[in-house]
Amino acid sequence: TAALLFVSLSEEATSLAALCDRLADQKGWDRREFLNDAKAV
């Protein structure tokens, strides 16, 4: 999960909200839960 966030941020600068929306949709994850985890990571 941390690698997914890091690699995504190495490809483009983006907000966590936008990144988590996109990744949660792709992976079928709960957006709010993933965003909370992503903020900590």
PDB file of all heavy atoms in Angstrom:
ATOM      1  N   THR A   1       0.824  -1.209   0.000  1.00  0.00           N
ATOM      2  CA  THR A   1       0.000   0.000   0.000  1.00  0.00           C
ATOM      3  C   THR A   1       0.857   1.256   0.000  1.00  0.00           C
ATOM      4  O   THR A   1       0.617   2.185  -0.773  1.00  0.00           O
ATOM      5  CB  THR A   1      -0.958   0.008   1.205  1.00  0.00           C
ATOM      6  OG1 THR A   1      -1.759  -1.180   1.158  1.00  0.00           O
ATOM      7  CG2 THR A   1      -1.864   1.220   1.184  1.00  0.00           C
ATOM      8  N   ALA A   2       1.873   1.301   0.853  1.00  0.00           N
ATOM      9  CA  ALA A   2       2.777   2.457   0.889  1.00  0.00           C
ATOM     10  C   ALA A   2       3.488   2.609  -0.450  1.00  0.00           C
ATOM     11  O   ALA A   2       3.645   3.716  -0.960  1.00  0.00           O
ATOM     12  CB  ALA A   2       3.786   2.309   2.016  1.00  0.00           C
ATOM     13  N   ALA A   3       3.895   1.484  -1.040  1.00  0.00           N
ATOM     14  CA  ALA A   3       4.567   1.527  -2.343  1.00  0.00           C
ATOM     15  C   ALA A   3       3.637   2.068  -3.416  1.00  0.00           C
ATOM     16  O   ALA A   3       4.054   2.856  -4.272  1.00  0.00           O
ATOM     17  CB  ALA A   3       5.069   0.137  -2.721  1.00  0.00           C
ATOM     18  N   LEU A   4       2.373   1.671  -3.374  1.00  0.00           N
ATOM     19  CA  LEU A   4       1.396   2.162  -4.350  1.00  0.00           C
ATOM     20  C   LEU A   4       1.268   3.676  -4.259  1.00  0.00           C
ATOM     21  O   LEU A   4       1.273   4.380  -5.278  1.00  0.00           O
ATOM     22  CB  LEU A   4       0.045   1.483  -4.112  1.00  0.00           C
ATOM     23  CG  LEU A   4      -1.107   1.887  -5.016  1.00  0.00           C
ATOM     24  CD1 LEU A   4      -0.811   1.529  -6.473  1.00  0.00           C
ATOM     25  CD2 LEU A   4      -2.387   1.211  -4.561  1.00  0.00           C
ATOM     26  N   LEU A   5       1.195   4.200  -3.042  1.00  0.00           N
ATOM     27  CA  LEU A   5       1.113   5.646  -2.857  1.00  0.00           C
ATOM     28  C   LEU A   5       2.391   6.332  -3.333  1.00  0.00           C
ATOM     29  O   LEU A   5       2.336   7.327  -4.064  1.00  0.00           O
ATOM     30  CB  LEU A   5       0.866   5.974  -1.381  1.00  0.00           C
ATOM     31  CG  LEU A   5      -0.506   5.598  -0.838  1.00  0.00           C
ATOM     32  CD1 LEU A   5      -0.513   5.654   0.684  1.00  0.00           C
ATOM     33  CD2 LEU A   5      -1.577   6.498  -1.423  1.00  0.00           C
ATOM     34  N   PHE A   6       3.543   5.807  -2.938  1.00  0.00           N
ATOM     35  CA  PHE A   6       4.822   6.414  -3.295  1.00  0.00           C
ATOM     36  C   PHE A   6       5.033   6.431  -4.810  1.00  0.00           C
ATOM     37  O   PHE A   6       5.398   7.456  -5.391  1.00  0.00           O
ATOM     38  CB  PHE A   6       5.971   5.669  -2.603  1.00  0.00           C
ATOM     39  CG  PHE A   6       7.319   6.248  -2.900  1.00  0.00           C
ATOM     40  CD1 PHE A   6       7.747   7.404  -2.274  1.00  0.00           C
ATOM     41  CD2 PHE A   6       8.168   5.645  -3.816  1.00  0.00           C
ATOM     42  CE1 PHE A   6       8.986   7.950  -2.546  1.00  0.00           C
ATOM     43  CE2 PHE A   6       9.409   6.180  -4.095  1.00  0.00           C
ATOM     44  CZ  PHE A   6       9.821   7.338  -3.459  1.00  0.00           C
ATOM     45  N   VAL A   7       4.787   5.298  -5.451  1.00  0.00           N
ATOM     46  CA  VAL A   7       4.970   5.216  -6.906  1.00  0.00           C
ATOM     47  C   VAL A   7       3.997   6.159  -7.607  1.00  0.00           C
ATOM     48  O   VAL A   7       4.372   6.852  -8.558  1.00  0.00           O
ATOM     49  CB  VAL A   7       4.830   3.757  -7.402  1.00  0.00           C
ATOM     50  CG1 VAL A   7       4.778   3.700  -8.918  1.00  0.00           C
ATOM     51  CG2 VAL A   7       5.975   2.906  -6.875  1.00  0.00           C
ATOM     52  N   SER A   8       2.758   6.219  -7.146  1.00  0.00           N
ATOM     53  CA  SER A   8       1.785   7.142  -7.742  1.00  0.00           C
ATOM     54  C   SER A   8       2.241   8.584  -7.601  1.00  0.00           C
ATOM     55  O   SER A   8       2.107   9.376  -8.538  1.00  0.00           O
ATOM     56  CB  SER A   8       0.413   6.961  -7.089  1.00  0.00           C
ATOM     57  OG  SER A   8      -0.103   5.677  -7.339  1.00  0.00           O
ATOM     58  N   LEU A   9       2.816   8.932  -6.444  1.00  0.00           N
ATOM     59  CA  LEU A   9       3.300  10.299  -6.241  1.00  0.00           C
ATOM     60  C   LEU A   9       4.599  10.562  -6.991  1.00  0.00           C
ATOM     61  O   LEU A   9       4.958  11.714  -7.225  1.00  0.00           O
ATOM     62  CB  LEU A   9       3.473  10.582  -4.751  1.00  0.00           C
ATOM     63  CG  LEU A   9       2.162  10.672  -3.971  1.00  0.00           C
ATOM     64  CD1 LEU A   9       2.425  10.760  -2.480  1.00  0.00           C
ATOM     65  CD2 LEU A   9       1.326  11.855  -4.444  1.00  0.00           C
ATOM     66  N   SER A  10       5.305   9.517  -7.391  1.00  0.00           N
ATOM     67  CA  SER A  10       6.505   9.729  -8.201  1.00  0.00           C
ATOM     68  C   SER A  10       6.130   9.978  -9.660  1.00  0.00           C
ATOM     69  O   SER A  10       6.903  10.544 -10.409  1.00  0.00           O
ATOM     70  CB  SER A  10       7.466   8.540  -8.094  1.00  0.00           C
ATOM     71  OG  SER A  10       6.972   7.423  -8.772  1.00  0.00           O
ATOM     72  N   GLU A  11       4.935   9.568 -10.044  1.00  0.00           N
ATOM     73  CA  GLU A  11       4.470   9.768 -11.419  1.00  0.00           C
ATOM     74  C   GLU A  11       3.847  11.137 -11.619  1.00  0.00           C
ATOM     75  O   GLU A  11       3.960  11.724 -12.687  1.00  0.00           O
ATOM     76  CB  GLU A  11       3.462   8.677 -11.785  1.00  0.00           C
ATOM     77  CG  GLU A  11       4.098   7.294 -11.838  1.00  0.00           C
ATOM     78  CD  GLU A  11       3.091   6.166 -11.942  1.00  0.00           C
ATOM     79  OE1 GLU A  11       1.868   6.431 -11.862  1.00  0.00           O
ATOM     80  OE2 GLU A  11       3.529   5.017 -12.078  1.00  0.00           O
ATOM     81  N   GLU A  12       3.165  11.646 -10.591  1.00  0.00           N
ATOM     82  CA  GLU A  12       2.549  12.970 -10.698  1.00  0.00           C
ATOM     83  C   GLU A  12       2.293  13.547  -9.319  1.00  0.00           C
ATOM     84  O   GLU A  12       2.000  12.816  -8.380  1.00  0.00           O
ATOM     85  CB  GLU A  12       1.229  12.897 -11.469  1.00  0.00           C
ATOM     86  CG  GLU A  12       0.119  12.181 -10.727  1.00  0.00           C
ATOM     87  CD  GLU A  12      -1.222  12.243 -11.420  1.00  0.00           C
ATOM     88  OE1 GLU A  12      -1.612  13.335 -11.858  1.00  0.00           O
ATOM     89  OE2 GLU A  12      -1.863  11.197 -11.499  1.00  0.00           O
ATOM     90  N   ALA A  13       2.406  14.865  -9.218  1.00  0.00           N
ATOM     91  CA  ALA A  13       2.049  15.556  -7.981  1.00  0.00           C
ATOM     92  C   ALA A  13       0.533  15.660  -7.950  1.00  0.00           C
ATOM     93  O   ALA A  13      -0.095  16.020  -8.947  1.00  0.00           O
ATOM     94  CB  ALA A  13       2.679  16.945  -7.959  1.00  0.00           C
ATOM     95  N   THR A  14      -0.058  15.319  -6.817  1.00  0.00           N
ATOM     96  CA  THR A  14      -1.511  15.358  -6.709  1.00  0.00           C
ATOM     97  C   THR A  14      -1.908  15.482  -5.251  1.00  0.00           C
ATOM     98  O   THR A  14      -1.090  15.284  -4.357  1.00  0.00           O
ATOM     99  CB  THR A  14      -2.138  14.088  -7.334  1.00  0.00           C
ATOM    100  OG1 THR A  14      -3.546  14.226  -7.382  1.00  0.00           O
ATOM    101  CG2 THR A  14      -1.769  12.843  -6.575  1.00  0.00           C
ATOM    102  N   SER A  15      -3.155  15.808  -5.025  1.00  0.00           N
ATOM    103  CA  SER A  15      -3.652  15.852  -3.646  1.00  0.00           C
ATOM    104  C   SER A  15      -3.964  14.432  -3.190  1.00  0.00           C
ATOM    105  O   SER A  15      -4.244  13.548  -4.004  1.00  0.00           O
ATOM    106  CB  SER A  15      -4.912  16.715  -3.549  1.00  0.00           C
ATOM    107  OG  SER A  15      -6.001  16.058  -4.162  1.00  0.00           O
ATOM    108  N   LEU A  16      -3.909  14.220  -1.899  1.00  0.00           N
ATOM    109  CA  LEU A  16      -4.239  12.897  -1.369  1.00  0.00           C
ATOM    110  C   LEU A  16      -5.689  12.544  -1.657  1.00  0.00           C
ATOM    111  O   LEU A  16      -6.001  11.391  -1.949  1.00  0.00           O
ATOM    112  CB  LEU A  16      -3.981  12.838   0.129  1.00  0.00           C
ATOM    113  CG  LEU A  16      -2.543  12.719   0.555  1.00  0.00           C
ATOM    114  CD1 LEU A  16      -2.451  12.601   2.064  1.00  0.00           C
ATOM    115  CD2 LEU A  16      -1.880  11.531  -0.089  1.00  0.00           C
ATOM    116  N   ALA A  17      -6.572  13.531  -1.587  1.00  0.00           N
ATOM    117  CA  ALA A  17      -7.983  13.264  -1.849  1.00  0.00           C
ATOM    118  C   ALA A  17      -8.169  12.738  -3.273  1.00  0.00           C
ATOM    119  O   ALA A  17      -8.846  11.724  -3.489  1.00  0.00           O
ATOM    120  CB  ALA A  17      -8.818  14.518  -1.624  1.00  0.00           C
ATOM    121  N   ALA A  18      -7.558  13.395  -4.241  1.00  0.00           N
ATOM    122  CA  ALA A  18      -7.692  12.963  -5.642  1.00  0.00           C
ATOM    123  C   ALA A  18      -7.036  11.609  -5.867  1.00  0.00           C
ATOM    124  O   ALA A  18      -7.593  10.735  -6.552  1.00  0.00           O
ATOM    125  CB  ALA A  18      -7.089  14.006  -6.578  1.00  0.00           C
ATOM    126  N   LEU A  19      -5.859  11.417  -5.297  1.00  0.00           N
ATOM    127  CA  LEU A  19      -5.147  10.154  -5.453  1.00  0.00           C
ATOM    128  C   LEU A  19      -5.945   9.010  -4.829  1.00  0.00           C
ATOM    129  O   LEU A  19      -6.104   7.949  -5.435  1.00  0.00           O
ATOM    130  CB  LEU A  19      -3.757  10.242  -4.821  1.00  0.00           C
ATOM    131  CG  LEU A  19      -2.907   8.977  -4.868  1.00  0.00           C
ATOM    132  CD1 LEU A  19      -2.668   8.527  -6.302  1.00  0.00           C
ATOM    133  CD2 LEU A  19      -1.596   9.206  -4.144  1.00  0.00           C
ATOM    134  N   CYS A  20      -6.461   9.223  -3.633  1.00  0.00           N
ATOM    135  CA  CYS A  20      -7.221   8.170  -2.954  1.00  0.00           C
ATOM    136  C   CYS A  20      -8.533   7.871  -3.667  1.00  0.00           C
ATOM    137  O   CYS A  20      -8.957   6.715  -3.714  1.00  0.00           O
ATOM    138  CB  CYS A  20      -7.460   8.542  -1.502  1.00  0.00           C
ATOM    139  SG  CYS A  20      -5.935   8.451  -0.529  1.00  0.00           S
ATOM    140  N   ASP A  21      -9.176   8.892  -4.207  1.00  0.00           N
ATOM    141  CA  ASP A  21     -10.386   8.649  -5.006  1.00  0.00           C
ATOM    142  C   ASP A  21     -10.073   7.718  -6.165  1.00  0.00           C
ATOM    143  O   ASP A  21     -10.781   6.731  -6.403  1.00  0.00           O
ATOM    144  CB  ASP A  21     -10.956   9.962  -5.564  1.00  0.00           C
ATOM    145  CG  ASP A  21     -11.714  10.765  -4.535  1.00  0.00           C
ATOM    146  OD1 ASP A  21     -12.056  10.216  -3.465  1.00  0.00           O
ATOM    147  OD2 ASP A  21     -11.972  11.959  -4.811  1.00  0.00           O
ATOM    148  N   ARG A  22      -9.007   8.032  -6.896  1.00  0.00           N
ATOM    149  CA  ARG A  22      -8.642   7.237  -8.072  1.00  0.00           C
ATOM    150  C   ARG A  22      -8.249   5.810  -7.687  1.00  0.00           C
ATOM    151  O   ARG A  22      -8.738   4.843  -8.267  1.00  0.00           O
ATOM    152  CB  ARG A  22      -7.498   7.913  -8.830  1.00  0.00           C
ATOM    153  CG  ARG A  22      -7.067   7.194 -10.094  1.00  0.00           C
ATOM    154  CD  ARG A  22      -6.078   8.001 -10.921  1.00  0.00           C
ATOM    155  NE  ARG A  22      -4.922   8.463 -10.205  1.00  0.00           N
ATOM    156  CZ  ARG A  22      -3.792   7.761 -10.044  1.00  0.00           C
ATOM    157  NH1 ARG A  22      -3.691   6.549 -10.541  1.00  0.00           N
ATOM    158  NH2 ARG A  22      -2.764   8.279  -9.392  1.00  0.00           N
ATOM    159  N   LEU A  23      -7.373   5.666  -6.688  1.00  0.00           N
ATOM    160  CA  LEU A  23      -6.907   4.339  -6.300  1.00  0.00           C
ATOM    161  C   LEU A  23      -8.012   3.506  -5.656  1.00  0.00           C
ATOM    162  O   LEU A  23      -8.091   2.299  -5.891  1.00  0.00           O
ATOM    163  CB  LEU A  23      -5.706   4.456  -5.368  1.00  0.00           C
ATOM    164  CG  LEU A  23      -4.434   5.033  -5.986  1.00  0.00           C
ATOM    165  CD1 LEU A  23      -3.350   5.201  -4.934  1.00  0.00           C
ATOM    166  CD2 LEU A  23      -3.943   4.165  -7.132  1.00  0.00           C
ATOM    167  N   ALA A  24      -8.852   4.134  -4.840  1.00  0.00           N
ATOM    168  CA  ALA A  24      -9.961   3.402  -4.212  1.00  0.00           C
ATOM    169  C   ALA A  24     -10.917   2.877  -5.271  1.00  0.00           C
ATOM    170  O   ALA A  24     -11.391   1.737  -5.172  1.00  0.00           O
ATOM    171  CB  ALA A  24     -10.694   4.297  -3.214  1.00  0.00           C
ATOM    172  N   ASP A  25     -11.186   3.683  -6.295  1.00  0.00           N
ATOM    173  CA  ASP A  25     -12.040   3.220  -7.395  1.00  0.00           C
ATOM    174  C   ASP A  25     -11.401   2.047  -8.131  1.00  0.00           C
ATOM    175  O   ASP A  25     -12.059   1.054  -8.434  1.00  0.00           O
ATOM    176  CB  ASP A  25     -12.319   4.349  -8.396  1.00  0.00           C
ATOM    177  CG  ASP A  25     -13.360   5.326  -7.900  1.00  0.00           C
ATOM    178  OD1 ASP A  25     -14.055   5.020  -6.903  1.00  0.00           O
ATOM    179  OD2 ASP A  25     -13.474   6.416  -8.502  1.00  0.00           O
ATOM    180  N   GLN A  26     -10.106   2.155  -8.428  1.00  0.00           N
ATOM    181  CA  GLN A  26      -9.401   1.090  -9.147  1.00  0.00           C
ATOM    182  C   GLN A  26      -9.359  -0.210  -8.355  1.00  0.00           C
ATOM    183  O   GLN A  26      -9.493  -1.291  -8.917  1.00  0.00           O
ATOM    184  CB  GLN A  26      -7.962   1.508  -9.457  1.00  0.00           C
ATOM    185  CG  GLN A  26      -7.816   2.531 -10.529  1.00  0.00           C
ATOM    186  CD  GLN A  26      -6.362   2.984 -10.697  1.00  0.00           C
ATOM    187  OE1 GLN A  26      -5.464   2.541  -9.997  1.00  0.00           O
ATOM    188  NE2 GLN A  26      -6.144   3.892 -11.635  1.00  0.00           N
ATOM    189  N   LYS A  27      -9.141  -0.104  -7.050  1.00  0.00           N
ATOM    190  CA  LYS A  27      -8.936  -1.288  -6.209  1.00  0.00           C
ATOM    191  C   LYS A  27     -10.208  -1.787  -5.524  1.00  0.00           C
ATOM    192  O   LYS A  27     -10.201  -2.844  -4.916  1.00  0.00           O
ATOM    193  CB  LYS A  27      -7.882  -0.994  -5.130  1.00  0.00           C
ATOM    194  CG  LYS A  27      -6.531  -0.595  -5.680  1.00  0.00           C
ATOM    195  CD  LYS A  27      -5.833  -1.783  -6.273  1.00  0.00           C
ATOM    196  CE  LYS A  27      -4.417  -1.435  -6.671  1.00  0.00           C
ATOM    197  NZ  LYS A  27      -3.709  -2.570  -7.209  1.00  0.00           N
ATOM    198  N   GLY A  28     -11.277  -1.008  -5.603  1.00  0.00           N
ATOM    199  CA  GLY A  28     -12.515  -1.392  -4.940  1.00  0.00           C
ATOM    200  C   GLY A  28     -12.460  -1.214  -3.428  1.00  0.00           C
ATOM    201  O   GLY A  28     -13.132  -1.928  -2.683  1.00  0.00           O
ATOM    202  N   TRP A  29     -11.653  -0.274  -2.955  1.00  0.00           N
ATOM    203  CA  TRP A  29     -11.485  -0.016  -1.533  1.00  0.00           C
ATOM    204  C   TRP A  29     -12.445   1.071  -1.075  1.00  0.00           C
ATOM    205  O   TRP A  29     -12.882   1.913  -1.873  1.00  0.00           O
ATOM    206  CB  TRP A  29     -10.065   0.440  -1.224  1.00  0.00           C
ATOM    207  CG  TRP A  29      -8.999  -0.579  -1.482  1.00  0.00           C
ATOM    208  CD1 TRP A  29      -9.140  -1.935  -1.498  1.00  0.00           C
ATOM    209  CD2 TRP A  29      -7.620  -0.322  -1.771  1.00  0.00           C
ATOM    210  NE1 TRP A  29      -7.937  -2.541  -1.763  1.00  0.00           N
ATOM    211  CE2 TRP A  29      -6.987  -1.582  -1.936  1.00  0.00           C
ATOM    212  CE3 TRP A  29      -6.864   0.824  -1.897  1.00  0.00           C
ATOM    213  CZ2 TRP A  29      -5.634  -1.700  -2.223  1.00  0.00           C
ATOM    214  CZ3 TRP A  29      -5.520   0.700  -2.171  1.00  0.00           C
ATOM    215  CH2 TRP A  29      -4.911  -0.554  -2.330  1.00  0.00           C
ATOM    216  N   ASP A  30     -12.733   1.096   0.217  1.00  0.00           N
ATOM    217  CA  ASP A  30     -13.529   2.162   0.803  1.00  0.00           C
ATOM    218  C   ASP A  30     -12.700   3.451   0.778  1.00  0.00           C
ATOM    219  O   ASP A  30     -11.606   3.493   1.340  1.00  0.00           O
ATOM    220  CB  ASP A  30     -13.905   1.792   2.240  1.00  0.00           C
ATOM    221  CG  ASP A  30     -14.669   2.900   2.921  1.00  0.00           C
ATOM    222  OD1 ASP A  30     -15.885   3.003   2.683  1.00  0.00           O
ATOM    223  OD2 ASP A  30     -14.041   3.675   3.686  1.00  0.00           O
ATOM    224  N   ARG A  31     -13.210   4.485   0.160  1.00  0.00           N
ATOM    225  CA  ARG A  31     -12.459   5.721  -0.046  1.00  0.00           C
ATOM    226  C   ARG A  31     -12.059   6.387   1.272  1.00  0.00           C
ATOM    227  O   ARG A  31     -10.925   6.774   1.468  1.00  0.00           O
ATOM    228  CB  ARG A  31     -13.274   6.697  -0.892  1.00  0.00           C
ATOM    229  CG  ARG A  31     -12.520   7.987  -1.168  1.00  0.00           C
ATOM    230  CD  ARG A  31     -13.465   9.186  -1.242  1.00  0.00           C
ATOM    231  NE  ARG A  31     -12.721  10.407  -1.478  1.00  0.00           N
ATOM    232  CZ  ARG A  31     -12.294  11.197  -0.498  1.00  0.00           C
ATOM    233  NH1 ARG A  31     -12.494  10.880   0.759  1.00  0.00           N
ATOM    234  NH2 ARG A  31     -11.635  12.301  -0.769  1.00  0.00           N
ATOM    235  N   ARG A  32     -13.004   6.530   2.188  1.00  0.00           N
ATOM    236  CA  ARG A  32     -12.741   7.236   3.445  1.00  0.00           C
ATOM    237  C   ARG A  32     -11.704   6.484   4.283  1.00  0.00           C
ATOM    238  O   ARG A  32     -10.792   7.078   4.835  1.00  0.00           O
ATOM    239  CB  ARG A  32     -14.066   7.382   4.199  1.00  0.00           C
ATOM    240  CG  ARG A  32     -14.071   8.170   5.424  1.00  0.00           C
ATOM    241  CD  ARG A  32     -13.721   9.623   5.487  1.00  0.00           C
ATOM    242  NE  ARG A  32     -13.869  10.596   4.477  1.00  0.00           N
ATOM    243  CZ  ARG A  32     -13.039  11.639   4.346  1.00  0.00           C
ATOM    244  NH1 ARG A  32     -11.998  11.794   5.122  1.00  0.00           N
ATOM    245  NH2 ARG A  32     -13.233  12.539   3.430  1.00  0.00           N
ATOM    246  N   GLU A  33     -11.837   5.171   4.368  1.00  0.00           N
ATOM    247  CA  GLU A  33     -10.880   4.369   5.137  1.00  0.00           C
ATOM    248  C   GLU A  33      -9.485   4.444   4.510  1.00  0.00           C
ATOM    249  O   GLU A  33      -8.484   4.609   5.211  1.00  0.00           O
ATOM    250  CB  GLU A  33     -11.354   2.922   5.187  1.00  0.00           C
ATOM    251  CG  GLU A  33     -10.532   2.040   6.074  1.00  0.00           C
ATOM    252  CD  GLU A  33     -11.105   0.637   6.164  1.00  0.00           C
ATOM    253  OE1 GLU A  33     -12.334   0.495   6.332  1.00  0.00           O
ATOM    254  OE2 GLU A  33     -10.308  -0.311   6.061  1.00  0.00           O
ATOM    255  N   PHE A  34      -9.442   4.353   3.184  1.00  0.00           N
ATOM    256  CA  PHE A  34      -8.152   4.424   2.489  1.00  0.00           C
ATOM    257  C   PHE A  34      -7.533   5.808   2.662  1.00  0.00           C
ATOM    258  O   PHE A  34      -6.325   5.929   2.883  1.00  0.00           O
ATOM    259  CB  PHE A  34      -8.318   4.064   1.012  1.00  0.00           C
ATOM    260  CG  PHE A  34      -7.032   4.084   0.241  1.00  0.00           C
ATOM    261  CD1 PHE A  34      -5.933   3.351   0.656  1.00  0.00           C
ATOM    262  CD2 PHE A  34      -6.914   4.843  -0.915  1.00  0.00           C
ATOM    263  CE1 PHE A  34      -4.737   3.365  -0.051  1.00  0.00           C
ATOM    264  CE2 PHE A  34      -5.725   4.866  -1.634  1.00  0.00           C
ATOM    265  CZ  PHE A  34      -4.640   4.132  -1.199  1.00  0.00           C
ATOM    266  N   LEU A  35      -8.328   6.852   2.575  1.00  0.00           N
ATOM    267  CA  LEU A  35      -7.808   8.211   2.745  1.00  0.00           C
ATOM    268  C   LEU A  35      -7.201   8.384   4.138  1.00  0.00           C
ATOM    269  O   LEU A  35      -6.122   8.959   4.281  1.00  0.00           O
ATOM    270  CB  LEU A  35      -8.903   9.247   2.506  1.00  0.00           C
ATOM    271  CG  LEU A  35      -8.488  10.709   2.670  1.00  0.00           C
ATOM    272  CD1 LEU A  35      -7.359  11.097   1.723  1.00  0.00           C
ATOM    273  CD2 LEU A  35      -9.687  11.627   2.465  1.00  0.00           C
ATOM    274  N   ASN A  36      -7.872   7.870   5.165  1.00  0.00           N
ATOM    275  CA  ASN A  36      -7.322   7.970   6.520  1.00  0.00           C
ATOM    276  C   ASN A  36      -5.990   7.240   6.626  1.00  0.00           C
ATOM    277  O   ASN A  36      -5.037   7.743   7.222  1.00  0.00           O
ATOM    278  CB  ASN A  36      -8.315   7.426   7.550  1.00  0.00           C
ATOM    279  CG  ASN A  36      -9.465   8.377   7.779  1.00  0.00           C
ATOM    280  OD1 ASN A  36      -9.350   9.578   7.575  1.00  0.00           O
ATOM    281  ND2 ASN A  36     -10.598   7.842   8.184  1.00  0.00           N
ATOM    282  N   ASP A  37      -5.907   6.034   6.054  1.00  0.00           N
ATOM    283  CA  ASP A  37      -4.652   5.285   6.052  1.00  0.00           C
ATOM    284  C   ASP A  37      -3.572   6.031   5.269  1.00  0.00           C
ATOM    285  O   ASP A  37      -2.424   6.125   5.699  1.00  0.00           O
ATOM    286  CB  ASP A  37      -4.840   3.885   5.454  1.00  0.00           C
ATOM    287  CG  ASP A  37      -5.660   2.972   6.336  1.00  0.00           C
ATOM    288  OD1 ASP A  37      -5.865   3.304   7.524  1.00  0.00           O
ATOM    289  OD2 ASP A  37      -6.114   1.929   5.837  1.00  0.00           O
ATOM    290  N   ALA A  38      -3.959   6.565   4.106  1.00  0.00           N
ATOM    291  CA  ALA A  38      -2.999   7.261   3.242  1.00  0.00           C
ATOM    292  C   ALA A  38      -2.445   8.507   3.922  1.00  0.00           C
ATOM    293  O   ALA A  38      -1.253   8.801   3.803  1.00  0.00           O
ATOM    294  CB  ALA A  38      -3.660   7.625   1.912  1.00  0.00           C
ATOM    295  N   LYS A  39      -3.278   9.231   4.651  1.00  0.00           N
ATOM    296  CA  LYS A  39      -2.807  10.428   5.353  1.00  0.00           C
ATOM    297  C   LYS A  39      -1.735  10.064   6.373  1.00  0.00           C
ATOM    298  O   LYS A  39      -0.719  10.750   6.489  1.00  0.00           O
ATOM    299  CB  LYS A  39      -3.980  11.158   6.007  1.00  0.00           C
ATOM    300  CG  LYS A  39      -4.826  11.883   4.988  1.00  0.00           C
ATOM    301  CD  LYS A  39      -6.149  12.414   5.421  1.00  0.00           C
ATOM    302  CE  LYS A  39      -6.367  12.973   6.736  1.00  0.00           C
ATOM    303  NZ  LYS A  39      -7.702  13.555   6.941  1.00  0.00           N
ATOM    304  N   ALA A  40      -1.932   8.973   7.072  1.00  0.00           N
ATOM    305  CA  ALA A  40      -0.938   8.535   8.062  1.00  0.00           C
ATOM    306  C   ALA A  40       0.346   8.082   7.376  1.00  0.00           C
ATOM    307  O   ALA A  40       1.451   8.444   7.798  1.00  0.00           O
ATOM    308  CB  ALA A  40      -1.514   7.407   8.913  1.00  0.00           C
ATOM    309  N   VAL A  41       0.223   7.310   6.290  1.00  0.00           N
ATOM    310  CA  VAL A  41       1.395   6.794   5.581  1.00  0.00           C
ATOM    311  C   VAL A  41       2.184   7.943   4.947  1.00  0.00           C
ATOM    312  O   VAL A  41       3.412   8.010   5.076  1.00  0.00           O
ATOM    313  CB  VAL A  41       0.982   5.757   4.513  1.00  0.00           C
ATOM    314  CG1 VAL A  41       2.132   5.417   3.583  1.00  0.00           C
ATOM    315  CG2 VAL A  41       0.440   4.500   5.181  1.00  0.00           C
TER     316      VAL A  41
END
